C-alpha atoms as a PDB file:
ATOM      1  CA  UNK A   1       0.000   0.000   0.000  1.00  0.00           C
ATOM      2  CA  UNK A   2       1.039   3.431  -0.500  1.00  0.00           C
ATOM      3  CA  UNK A   3       1.124   5.630   2.405  1.00  0.00           C
ATOM      4  CA  UNK A   4      -1.886   4.727   4.423  1.00  0.00           C
ATOM      5  CA  UNK A   5      -3.882   1.764   3.533  1.00  0.00           C
ATOM      6  CA  UNK A   6      -7.454   1.160   4.245  1.00  0.00           C
ATOM      7  CA  UNK A   7      -8.950  -2.225   4.153  1.00  0.00           C
ATOM      8  CA  UNK A   8     -11.333  -4.715   5.458  1.00  0.00           C
ATOM      9  CA  UNK A   9     -10.130  -7.159   7.958  1.00  0.00           C
ATOM     10  CA  UNK A  10      -6.545  -7.399   7.031  1.00  0.00           C
ATOM     11  CA  UNK A  11      -4.353  -4.599   6.481  1.00  0.00           C
ATOM     12  CA  UNK A  12      -1.965  -3.293   4.107  1.00  0.00           C
ATOM     13  CA  UNK A  13      -2.109   0.310   4.641  1.00  0.00           C
ATOM     14  CA  UNK A  14      -4.767   2.578   5.771  1.00  0.00           C
ATOM     15  CA  UNK A  15      -6.585   5.163   3.830  1.00  0.00           C
ATOM     16  CA  UNK A  16      -6.193   8.069   6.187  1.00  0.00           C
ATOM     17  CA  UNK A  17      -4.357  11.143   4.990  1.00  0.00           C
ATOM     18  CA  UNK A  18      -0.740  11.151   6.021  1.00  0.00           C
ATOM     19  CA  UNK A  19       0.964  14.351   6.903  1.00  0.00           C
ATOM     20  CA  UNK A  20       4.260  13.819   5.182  1.00  0.00           C
ATOM     21  CA  UNK A  21       5.703  11.502   2.610  1.00  0.00           C
ATOM     22  CA  UNK A  22       9.367  10.779   2.414  1.00  0.00           C
ATOM     23  CA  UNK A  23      10.693  10.547  -1.086  1.00  0.00           C
ATOM     24  CA  UNK A  24      12.752   7.548  -0.017  1.00  0.00           C
ATOM     25  CA  UNK A  25       9.723   5.548   0.917  1.00  0.00           C
ATOM     26  CA  UNK A  26       6.013   6.103   1.202  1.00  0.00           C
ATOM     27  CA  UNK A  27       3.935   5.237   4.130  1.00  0.00           C
ATOM     28  CA  UNK A  28       1.867   2.234   3.325  1.00  0.00           C
ATOM     29  CA  UNK A  29      -0.876   1.599   5.751  1.00  0.00           C
ATOM     30  CA  UNK A  30      -3.658  -0.785   5.661  1.00  0.00           C
ATOM     31  CA  UNK A  31      -6.623  -0.642   7.905  1.00  0.00           C
ATOM     32  CA  UNK A  32      -9.259  -3.206   8.712  1.00  0.00           C
ATOM     33  CA  UNK A  33     -12.630  -2.120   7.480  1.00  0.00           C
ATOM     34  CA  UNK A  34     -14.552  -4.754   9.315  1.00  0.00           C
ATOM     35  CA  UNK A  35     -14.043  -7.231  12.097  1.00  0.00           C
ATOM     36  CA  UNK A  36     -16.092 -10.317  11.578  1.00  0.00           C
ATOM     37  CA  UNK A  37     -15.600 -13.864  12.658  1.00  0.00           C
ATOM     38  CA  UNK A  38     -17.654 -15.803  10.209  1.00  0.00           C
ATOM     39  CA  UNK A  39     -16.507 -17.655   7.165  1.00  0.00           C
ATOM     40  CA  UNK A  40     -14.018 -20.342   6.435  1.00  0.00           C
ATOM     41  CA  UNK A  41     -11.217 -21.508   8.654  1.00  0.00           C
ATOM     42  CA  UNK A  42      -7.599 -20.920   7.880  1.00  0.00           C
ATOM     43  CA  UNK A  43      -5.613 -24.056   7.360  1.00  0.00           C
ATOM     44  CA  UNK A  44      -2.053 -24.111   8.581  1.00  0.00           C
ATOM     45  CA  UNK A  45      -0.859 -27.439   7.262  1.00  0.00           C
ATOM     46  CA  UNK A  46       2.811 -27.443   7.953  1.00  0.00           C
ATOM     47  CA  UNK A  47       2.983 -23.883   6.779  1.00  0.00           C
ATOM     48  CA  UNK A  48       0.916 -20.816   6.975  1.00  0.00           C
ATOM     49  CA  UNK A  49      -0.832 -18.859   4.337  1.00  0.00           C
ATOM     50  CA  UNK A  50      -1.561 -15.216   4.205  1.00  0.00           C
ATOM     51  CA  UNK A  51      -4.465 -12.964   3.839  1.00  0.00           C
ATOM     52  CA  UNK A  52      -4.828  -9.397   2.955  1.00  0.00           C
ATOM     53  CA  UNK A  53      -7.925  -7.348   3.413  1.00  0.00           C
ATOM     54  CA  UNK A  54      -9.021  -4.257   1.614  1.00  0.00           C
ATOM     55  CA  UNK A  55      -6.286  -1.786   1.511  1.00  0.00           C
ATOM     56  CA  UNK A  56      -6.238   1.684   0.345  1.00  0.00           C
ATOM     57  CA  UNK A  57      -3.156   3.658  -0.091  1.00  0.00           C
ATOM     58  CA  UNK A  58      -2.873   7.350  -0.051  1.00  0.00           C
ATOM     59  CA  UNK A  59       0.065   9.532  -0.799  1.00  0.00           C
ATOM     60  CA  UNK A  60       0.922  12.719   0.949  1.00  0.00           C
ATOM     61  CA  UNK A  61      -1.016  15.652  -0.442  1.00  0.00           C
ATOM     62  CA  UNK A  62       0.776  17.302  -3.290  1.00  0.00           C
ATOM     63  CA  UNK A  63       1.163  21.036  -3.106  1.00  0.00           C
ATOM     64  CA  UNK A  64       0.212  21.334  -6.730  1.00  0.00           C
ATOM     65  CA  UNK A  65      -1.799  18.594  -8.341  1.00  0.00           C
ATOM     66  CA  UNK A  66      -1.122  18.280 -12.035  1.00  0.00           C
ATOM     67  CA  UNK A  67      -4.097  18.724 -14.292  1.00  0.00           C
ATOM     68  CA  UNK A  68      -2.519  16.698 -17.038  1.00  0.00           C
ATOM     69  CA  UNK A  69      -4.026  13.344 -17.765  1.00  0.00           C
ATOM     70  CA  UNK A  70      -2.100  10.173 -17.096  1.00  0.00           C
ATOM     71  CA  UNK A  71      -0.379   8.812 -20.159  1.00  0.00           C
ATOM     72  CA  UNK A  72      -0.284   5.031 -20.443  1.00  0.00           C
ATOM     73  CA  UNK A  73       3.399   5.015 -21.346  1.00  0.00           C
ATOM     74  CA  UNK A  74       4.160   7.064 -18.224  1.00  0.00           C
ATOM     75  CA  UNK A  75       2.571   4.382 -16.065  1.00  0.00           C
ATOM     76  CA  UNK A  76       4.330   1.585 -17.913  1.00  0.00           C
ATOM     77  CA  UNK A  77       7.609   3.407 -17.339  1.00  0.00           C
ATOM     78  CA  UNK A  78       7.265   3.010 -13.572  1.00  0.00           C
ATOM     79  CA  UNK A  79       7.416  -0.731 -14.034  1.00  0.00           C
ATOM     80  CA  UNK A  80      10.397  -0.657 -16.383  1.00  0.00           C
ATOM     81  CA  UNK A  81      12.798  -2.272 -13.944  1.00  0.00           C
ATOM     82  CA  UNK A  82      13.944  -5.746 -13.047  1.00  0.00           C
ATOM     83  CA  UNK A  83      11.092  -6.327 -10.580  1.00  0.00           C
ATOM     84  CA  UNK A  84       8.873  -7.019 -13.603  1.00  0.00           C
ATOM     85  CA  UNK A  85      11.338  -9.280 -15.418  1.00  0.00           C
ATOM     86  CA  UNK A  86      10.735 -12.929 -16.294  1.00  0.00           C
ATOM     87  CA  UNK A  87      12.544 -14.305 -13.259  1.00  0.00           C
ATOM     88  CA  UNK A  88      10.888 -17.153 -11.391  1.00  0.00           C
ATOM     89  CA  UNK A  89      10.901 -18.079  -7.725  1.00  0.00           C
ATOM     90  CA  UNK A  90      11.733 -21.579  -6.580  1.00  0.00           C
ATOM     91  CA  UNK A  91       9.261 -23.625  -4.588  1.00  0.00           C
ATOM     92  CA  UNK A  92      10.236 -24.021  -0.970  1.00  0.00           C
ATOM     93  CA  UNK A  93       8.576 -24.785   2.348  1.00  0.00           C
ATOM     94  CA  UNK A  94       8.123 -22.137   5.007  1.00  0.00           C
ATOM     95  CA  UNK A  95       7.597 -24.101   8.219  1.00  0.00           C
ATOM     96  CA  UNK A  96       6.074 -21.907  10.892  1.00  0.00           C
ATOM     97  CA  UNK A  97       5.896 -22.519  14.644  1.00  0.00           C
ATOM     98  CA  UNK A  98       2.535 -23.012  16.396  1.00  0.00           C
ATOM     99  CA  UNK A  99       0.371 -19.923  16.755  1.00  0.00           C
ATOM    100  CA  UNK A 100      -0.915 -18.627  20.078  1.00  0.00           C
ATOM    101  CA  UNK A 101      -2.273 -15.203  20.930  1.00  0.00           C
ATOM    102  CA  UNK A 102       0.267 -14.175  23.558  1.00  0.00           C
ATOM    103  CA  UNK A 103       2.685 -11.481  22.440  1.00  0.00           C
ATOM    104  CA  UNK A 104       5.845 -13.575  22.732  1.00  0.00           C
ATOM    105  CA  UNK A 105       4.486 -16.443  20.623  1.00  0.00           C
ATOM    106  CA  UNK A 106       3.124 -14.083  17.984  1.00  0.00           C
ATOM    107  CA  UNK A 107       6.475 -12.327  17.766  1.00  0.00           C
ATOM    108  CA  UNK A 108       8.309 -15.632  17.319  1.00  0.00           C
ATOM    109  CA  UNK A 109       5.827 -16.680  14.633  1.00  0.00           C
ATOM    110  CA  UNK A 110       6.271 -13.420  12.734  1.00  0.00           C
ATOM    111  CA  UNK A 111      10.059 -13.484  13.054  1.00  0.00           C
ATOM    112  CA  UNK A 112      10.144 -16.963  11.504  1.00  0.00           C
ATOM    113  CA  UNK A 113       7.831 -15.734   8.734  1.00  0.00           C
ATOM    114  CA  UNK A 114      10.176 -12.797   8.110  1.00  0.00           C
ATOM    115  CA  UNK A 115      13.017 -15.276   7.811  1.00  0.00           C
ATOM    116  CA  UNK A 116      11.041 -17.130   5.143  1.00  0.00           C
ATOM    117  CA  UNK A 117      10.391 -13.890   3.270  1.00  0.00           C
ATOM    118  CA  UNK A 118      14.068 -12.945   3.390  1.00  0.00           C
ATOM    119  CA  UNK A 119      15.245 -16.377   2.240  1.00  0.00           C
ATOM    120  CA  UNK A 120      12.668 -16.343  -0.560  1.00  0.00           C
ATOM    121  CA  UNK A 121      13.402 -12.883  -1.938  1.00  0.00           C
ATOM    122  CA  UNK A 122      17.120 -12.342  -1.279  1.00  0.00           C
ATOM    123  CA  UNK A 123      18.318 -14.792  -3.976  1.00  0.00           C
ATOM    124  CA  UNK A 124      15.779 -13.358  -6.414  1.00  0.00           C
ATOM    125  CA  UNK A 125      17.102  -9.829  -5.940  1.00  0.00           C
ATOM    126  CA  UNK A 126      20.653 -11.129  -6.269  1.00  0.00           C
ATOM    127  CA  UNK A 127      19.757 -12.565  -9.676  1.00  0.00           C
ATOM    128  CA  UNK A 128      18.313  -9.166 -10.576  1.00  0.00           C
ATOM    129  CA  UNK A 129      21.441  -7.344  -9.348  1.00  0.00           C
ATOM    130  CA  UNK A 130      19.362  -5.392  -6.832  1.00  0.00           C
ATOM    131  CA  UNK A 131      21.211  -4.821  -3.526  1.00  0.00           C
ATOM    132  CA  UNK A 132      19.294  -6.539  -0.739  1.00  0.00           C
ATOM    133  CA  UNK A 133      18.628  -5.235   2.731  1.00  0.00           C
ATOM    134  CA  UNK A 134      16.111  -6.949   4.982  1.00  0.00           C
ATOM    135  CA  UNK A 135      13.324  -4.740   6.329  1.00  0.00           C
ATOM    136  CA  UNK A 136      12.817  -4.257  10.038  1.00  0.00           C
ATOM    137  CA  UNK A 137       9.642  -5.529  11.657  1.00  0.00           C
ATOM    138  CA  UNK A 138       7.865  -3.741  14.470  1.00  0.00           C
ATOM    139  CA  UNK A 139       4.753  -5.204  16.070  1.00  0.00           C
ATOM    140  CA  UNK A 140       2.777  -2.828  18.245  1.00  0.00           C
ATOM    141  CA  UNK A 141      -0.788  -1.820  18.976  1.00  0.00           C
ATOM    142  CA  UNK A 142       0.224   1.816  18.652  1.00  0.00           C
ATOM    143  CA  UNK A 143       2.502   3.527  16.186  1.00  0.00           C
ATOM    144  CA  UNK A 144       4.288   6.735  17.038  1.00  0.00           C
ATOM    145  CA  UNK A 145       4.814   9.674  14.724  1.00  0.00           C
ATOM    146  CA  UNK A 146       6.967   8.770  11.732  1.00  0.00           C
ATOM    147  CA  UNK A 147       9.054  10.703   9.285  1.00  0.00           C
ATOM    148  CA  UNK A 148       6.683   9.747   6.491  1.00  0.00           C
ATOM    149  CA  UNK A 149       3.501  10.580   8.310  1.00  0.00           C
ATOM    150  CA  UNK A 150       1.558   9.622  11.370  1.00  0.00           C
ATOM    151  CA  UNK A 151      -1.103   6.905  11.228  1.00  0.00           C
ATOM    152  CA  UNK A 152      -4.437   8.178  12.561  1.00  0.00           C
ATOM    153  CA  UNK A 153      -5.479   4.728  13.751  1.00  0.00           C
ATOM    154  CA  UNK A 154      -4.076   1.340  14.626  1.00  0.00           C
ATOM    155  CA  UNK A 155      -2.905   0.182  11.231  1.00  0.00           C
ATOM    156  CA  UNK A 156      -0.299  -2.024   9.632  1.00  0.00           C
ATOM    157  CA  UNK A 157       1.882  -0.386   7.010  1.00  0.00           C
ATOM    158  CA  UNK A 158       5.290  -0.089   5.396  1.00  0.00           C
ATOM    159  CA  UNK A 159       7.433   2.980   5.855  1.00  0.00           C
ATOM    160  CA  UNK A 160      10.994   3.593   4.745  1.00  0.00           C
ATOM    161  CA  UNK A 161      12.514   0.168   5.355  1.00  0.00           C
ATOM    162  CA  UNK A 162      10.292  -0.883   8.235  1.00  0.00           C
ATOM    163  CA  UNK A 163       7.128  -2.991   8.315  1.00  0.00           C
ATOM    164  CA  UNK A 164       4.754  -2.021  11.111  1.00  0.00           C
ATOM    165  CA  UNK A 165       2.140  -4.578  12.117  1.00  0.00           C
ATOM    166  CA  UNK A 166      -0.728  -3.648  14.411  1.00  0.00           C
ATOM    167  CA  UNK A 167      -2.291  -6.850  15.839  1.00  0.00           C
ATOM    168  CA  UNK A 168      -5.820  -5.487  15.468  1.00  0.00           C
ATOM    169  CA  UNK A 169      -5.306  -5.264  11.718  1.00  0.00           C
ATOM    170  CA  UNK A 170      -4.986  -9.022  11.254  1.00  0.00           C
ATOM    171  CA  UNK A 171      -7.024 -10.150  14.259  1.00  0.00           C
ATOM    172  CA  UNK A 172     -10.101  -8.671  12.600  1.00  0.00           C
ATOM    173  CA  UNK A 173     -10.032 -10.970   9.577  1.00  0.00           C
ATOM    174  CA  UNK A 174     -13.484 -11.868   8.281  1.00  0.00           C
ATOM    175  CA  UNK A 175     -12.500 -15.499   7.911  1.00  0.00           C
ATOM    176  CA  UNK A 176     -12.759 -16.296  11.623  1.00  0.00           C
ATOM    177  CA  UNK A 177     -10.316 -16.791  14.484  1.00  0.00           C
ATOM    178  CA  UNK A 178      -8.612 -19.768  12.866  1.00  0.00           C
ATOM    179  CA  UNK A 179      -7.700 -17.511   9.966  1.00  0.00           C
ATOM    180  CA  UNK A 180      -5.765 -15.027  12.078  1.00  0.00           C
ATOM    181  CA  UNK A 181      -2.320 -16.607  11.498  1.00  0.00           C
ATOM    182  CA  UNK A 182      -2.962 -16.641   7.759  1.00  0.00           C
ATOM    183  CA  UNK A 183      -4.112 -13.032   7.822  1.00  0.00           C
ATOM    184  CA  UNK A 184      -0.956 -12.025   9.661  1.00  0.00           C
ATOM    185  CA  UNK A 185       1.283 -13.792   7.131  1.00  0.00           C
ATOM    186  CA  UNK A 186      -0.566 -12.380   4.144  1.00  0.00           C
ATOM    187  CA  UNK A 187      -0.396  -8.873   5.502  1.00  0.00           C
ATOM    188  CA  UNK A 188       3.279  -9.264   6.251  1.00  0.00           C
ATOM    189  CA  UNK A 189       3.947 -10.553   2.718  1.00  0.00           C
ATOM    190  CA  UNK A 190       2.030  -7.649   1.178  1.00  0.00           C
ATOM    191  CA  UNK A 191       3.997  -5.058   3.118  1.00  0.00           C
ATOM    192  CA  UNK A 192       7.176  -6.913   2.215  1.00  0.00           C
ATOM    193  CA  UNK A 193       6.114  -6.449  -1.396  1.00  0.00           C
ATOM    194  CA  UNK A 194       6.312  -2.703  -0.833  1.00  0.00           C
ATOM    195  CA  UNK A 195       9.835  -3.178   0.488  1.00  0.00           C
ATOM    196  CA  UNK A 196      10.751  -4.958  -2.743  1.00  0.00           C
ATOM    197  CA  UNK A 197       9.235  -2.043  -4.655  1.00  0.00           C
ATOM    198  CA  UNK A 198      11.378   0.354  -2.675  1.00  0.00           C
ATOM    199  CA  UNK A 199      14.588  -1.608  -3.264  1.00  0.00           C
ATOM    200  CA  UNK A 200      13.884  -1.770  -7.009  1.00  0.00           C
ATOM    201  CA  UNK A 201      13.031   1.929  -7.322  1.00  0.00           C
ATOM    202  CA  UNK A 202       9.381   1.271  -8.146  1.00  0.00           C
ATOM    203  CA  UNK A 203       8.042   2.833  -4.970  1.00  0.00           C
ATOM    204  CA  UNK A 204      10.001   6.048  -5.354  1.00  0.00           C
ATOM    205  CA  UNK A 205       8.906   6.441  -8.979  1.00  0.00           C
ATOM    206  CA  UNK A 206       5.274   5.770  -8.079  1.00  0.00           C
ATOM    207  CA  UNK A 207       5.406   8.244  -5.211  1.00  0.00           C
ATOM    208  CA  UNK A 208       6.780  10.970  -7.438  1.00  0.00           C
ATOM    209  CA  UNK A 209       4.104  10.283 -10.044  1.00  0.00           C
ATOM    210  CA  UNK A 210       1.305  10.352  -7.460  1.00  0.00           C
ATOM    211  CA  UNK A 211       2.603  13.612  -6.026  1.00  0.00           C
ATOM    212  CA  UNK A 212       2.750  15.117  -9.515  1.00  0.00           C
ATOM    213  CA  UNK A 213      -0.755  13.991 -10.446  1.00  0.00           C
ATOM    214  CA  UNK A 214      -2.350  14.668  -7.066  1.00  0.00           C
ATOM    215  CA  UNK A 215      -3.044  12.005  -4.481  1.00  0.00           C
ATOM    216  CA  UNK A 216      -6.817  11.962  -4.860  1.00  0.00           C
ATOM    217  CA  UNK A 217      -7.119  12.694  -8.563  1.00  0.00           C
ATOM    218  CA  UNK A 218      -8.354   9.824 -10.764  1.00  0.00           C
ATOM    219  CA  UNK A 219      -4.897   9.419 -12.298  1.00  0.00           C
ATOM    220  CA  UNK A 220      -3.106   9.618  -8.970  1.00  0.00           C
ATOM    221  CA  UNK A 221      -5.424   6.997  -7.506  1.00  0.00           C
ATOM    222  CA  UNK A 222      -4.795   4.716 -10.469  1.00  0.00           C
ATOM    223  CA  UNK A 223      -1.047   4.852  -9.872  1.00  0.00           C
ATOM    224  CA  UNK A 224      -1.698   4.071  -6.212  1.00  0.00           C
ATOM    225  CA  UNK A 225      -3.827   1.059  -7.141  1.00  0.00           C
ATOM    226  CA  UNK A 226      -1.207  -0.259  -9.555  1.00  0.00           C
ATOM    227  CA  UNK A 227       1.362   0.035  -6.768  1.00  0.00           C
ATOM    228  CA  UNK A 228      -0.820  -1.747  -4.223  1.00  0.00           C
ATOM    229  CA  UNK A 229      -1.908  -4.494  -6.580  1.00  0.00           C
ATOM    230  CA  UNK A 230       1.664  -5.263  -7.584  1.00  0.00           C
ATOM    231  CA  UNK A 231       2.524  -5.701  -3.900  1.00  0.00           C
ATOM    232  CA  UNK A 232      -0.574  -7.850  -3.574  1.00  0.00           C
ATOM    233  CA  UNK A 233       0.546 -10.071  -6.453  1.00  0.00           C
ATOM    234  CA  UNK A 234       4.049 -10.383  -4.992  1.00  0.00           C
ATOM    235  CA  UNK A 235       2.416 -11.458  -1.739  1.00  0.00           C
ATOM    236  CA  UNK A 236       0.560 -14.118  -3.705  1.00  0.00           C
ATOM    237  CA  UNK A 237       3.789 -15.388  -5.284  1.00  0.00           C
ATOM    238  CA  UNK A 238       5.346 -15.781  -1.835  1.00  0.00           C
ATOM    239  CA  UNK A 239       2.336 -17.652  -0.465  1.00  0.00           C
ATOM    240  CA  UNK A 240       2.045 -19.796  -3.579  1.00  0.00           C
ATOM    241  CA  UNK A 241       5.693 -20.871  -3.527  1.00  0.00           C
ATOM    242  CA  UNK A 242       5.896 -21.501   0.230  1.00  0.00           C
ATOM    243  CA  UNK A 243       2.595 -23.024   1.337  1.00  0.00           C
ATOM    244  CA  UNK A 244       0.258 -25.864   0.460  1.00  0.00           C
ATOM    245  CA  UNK A 245      -2.908 -25.631  -1.608  1.00  0.00           C
ATOM    246  CA  UNK A 246      -5.248 -25.670   1.397  1.00  0.00           C
ATOM    247  CA  UNK A 247      -3.520 -22.661   2.918  1.00  0.00           C
ATOM    248  CA  UNK A 248      -3.423 -20.865  -0.419  1.00  0.00           C
ATOM    249  CA  UNK A 249      -7.170 -21.329  -0.850  1.00  0.00           C
ATOM    250  CA  UNK A 250      -7.871 -19.873   2.579  1.00  0.00           C
ATOM    251  CA  UNK A 251      -5.753 -16.853   1.725  1.00  0.00           C
ATOM    252  CA  UNK A 252      -7.547 -16.431  -1.596  1.00  0.00           C
ATOM    253  CA  UNK A 253     -10.978 -16.428   0.030  1.00  0.00           C
ATOM    254  CA  UNK A 254      -9.861 -13.826   2.505  1.00  0.00           C
ATOM    255  CA  UNK A 255      -8.256 -11.583  -0.080  1.00  0.00           C
ATOM    256  CA  UNK A 256     -11.435 -11.396  -2.108  1.00  0.00           C
ATOM    257  CA  UNK A 257     -13.049  -9.670   0.881  1.00  0.00           C
ATOM    258  CA  UNK A 258     -10.450  -6.939   0.995  1.00  0.00           C
ATOM    259  CA  UNK A 259      -9.701  -3.893  -1.109  1.00  0.00           C
ATOM    260  CA  UNK A 260     -11.282  -0.468  -1.363  1.00  0.00           C
ATOM    261  CA  UNK A 261     -14.202   0.134   0.965  1.00  0.00           C
ATOM    262  CA  UNK A 262     -17.318   1.995  -0.226  1.00  0.00           C
ATOM    263  CA  UNK A 263     -17.085   5.720   0.285  1.00  0.00           C
ATOM    264  CA  UNK A 264     -13.297   5.723   0.636  1.00  0.00           C
ATOM    265  CA  UNK A 265     -10.629   6.756  -1.889  1.00  0.00           C
ATOM    266  CA  UNK A 266     -10.179   4.086  -4.550  1.00  0.00           C
ATOM    267  CA  UNK A 267      -6.460   3.622  -3.957  1.00  0.00           C
ATOM    268  CA  UNK A 268      -6.079  -0.148  -3.433  1.00  0.00           C
ATOM    269  CA  UNK A 269      -8.360  -1.769  -5.953  1.00  0.00           C
ATOM    270  CA  UNK A 270     -11.818  -3.319  -5.765  1.00  0.00           C
ATOM    271  CA  UNK A 271     -12.187  -6.467  -3.632  1.00  0.00           C
ATOM    272  CA  UNK A 272     -12.464  -8.451  -6.868  1.00  0.00           C
ATOM    273  CA  UNK A 273      -9.246  -7.074  -8.340  1.00  0.00           C
ATOM    274  CA  UNK A 274      -7.512  -7.239  -4.974  1.00  0.00           C
ATOM    275  CA  UNK A 275      -8.304 -10.932  -4.815  1.00  0.00           C
ATOM    276  CA  UNK A 276      -7.544 -11.512  -8.494  1.00  0.00           C
ATOM    277  CA  UNK A 277      -4.014 -10.133  -8.286  1.00  0.00           C
ATOM    278  CA  UNK A 278      -3.276 -12.180  -5.176  1.00  0.00           C
ATOM    279  CA  UNK A 279      -4.631 -15.270  -6.924  1.00  0.00           C
ATOM    280  CA  UNK A 280      -2.617 -14.515 -10.049  1.00  0.00           C
ATOM    281  CA  UNK A 281       0.574 -14.362  -8.020  1.00  0.00           C
ATOM    282  CA  UNK A 282      -0.277 -17.482  -6.021  1.00  0.00           C
ATOM    283  CA  UNK A 283      -0.732 -19.485  -9.211  1.00  0.00           C
ATOM    284  CA  UNK A 284       2.526 -18.425 -10.849  1.00  0.00           C
ATOM    285  CA  UNK A 285       6.160 -18.035  -9.978  1.00  0.00           C
ATOM    286  CA  UNK A 286       7.441 -15.391 -12.408  1.00  0.00           C
ATOM    287  CA  UNK A 287       7.770 -11.720 -11.498  1.00  0.00           C
ATOM    288  CA  UNK A 288       6.453 -10.543 -14.855  1.00  0.00           C
ATOM    289  CA  UNK A 289       3.068 -12.011 -13.878  1.00  0.00           C
ATOM    290  CA  UNK A 290       2.821  -9.141 -11.394  1.00  0.00           C
ATOM    291  CA  UNK A 291       3.398  -6.303 -13.860  1.00  0.00           C
ATOM    292  CA  UNK A 292       0.403  -4.160 -12.970  1.00  0.00           C
ATOM    293  CA  UNK A 293       2.027  -1.234 -14.774  1.00  0.00           C
ATOM    294  CA  UNK A 294       1.261  -2.641 -18.208  1.00  0.00           C
ATOM    295  CA  UNK A 295      -2.109  -4.134 -17.207  1.00  0.00           C
ATOM    296  CA  UNK A 296      -5.406  -2.870 -18.615  1.00  0.00           C
ATOM    297  CA  UNK A 297      -7.121  -0.204 -16.512  1.00  0.00           C
ATOM    298  CA  UNK A 298     -10.118  -2.464 -15.892  1.00  0.00           C
ATOM    299  CA  UNK A 299      -7.915  -4.931 -14.024  1.00  0.00           C
ATOM    300  CA  UNK A 300      -6.611  -2.300 -11.621  1.00  0.00           C
ATOM    301  CA  UNK A 301      -9.850  -0.552 -10.707  1.00  0.00           C
END
């Protein structure tokens, strides 16, 4: 998510307006739109899957929103880097420890998941000649003021090399209590996708474009959605290459309930497209499958 994300039960970044946006990295926040416990159970067979609820990203307000209309080739240019190349990930098994709701166990679970993300993506970036640095992970119910803006609520987000996870953002998954571990993994993988975008230069280019166009203009929102949906697809690739089919299916069902909420800025994609891009990534292993920058506008609404 870009800056703040808004979403249903999971979280990628919340849709609240952020005060400042650092050029080096935008604040990606996802917020849970609903907290429901019905639905299917999450299956953690030997590994966990992930879920991501509606997210909406917003970029810091631009002092002067451009009135020019977005040119397709300008959008495609954002994705003209190695993160959209035809490089495939290898299948591997991410074996996670048991989940329990006490803080220490959750932290151990998430640290192991971060290890899986690092071991999955580091060799890929090496093949792409992109210098790798692992993101930091902070898990807290409250998030203090940040250089790239201050979250108005308890949200999970990515900001300048650090992934912030607020427990309430994944505990509110609509898929029920058994889905909470999957929701946490999916959210973590989505935010990690933003870290990959930052390392590749995609995030900085998208941020500049959004600032130029205006954060809440139709064109600016489209760039935001393309950014979010690419991270969503990268999350799907991680889940698809690390977990079993039962876990993947749970994550898919959850992701189709996330995305832009009615009445909020359309900066993350409709629940249908949010789920579709996750599913697309989960079913493939090549980075070029996640090139939202060359995708038709209808697929990133």
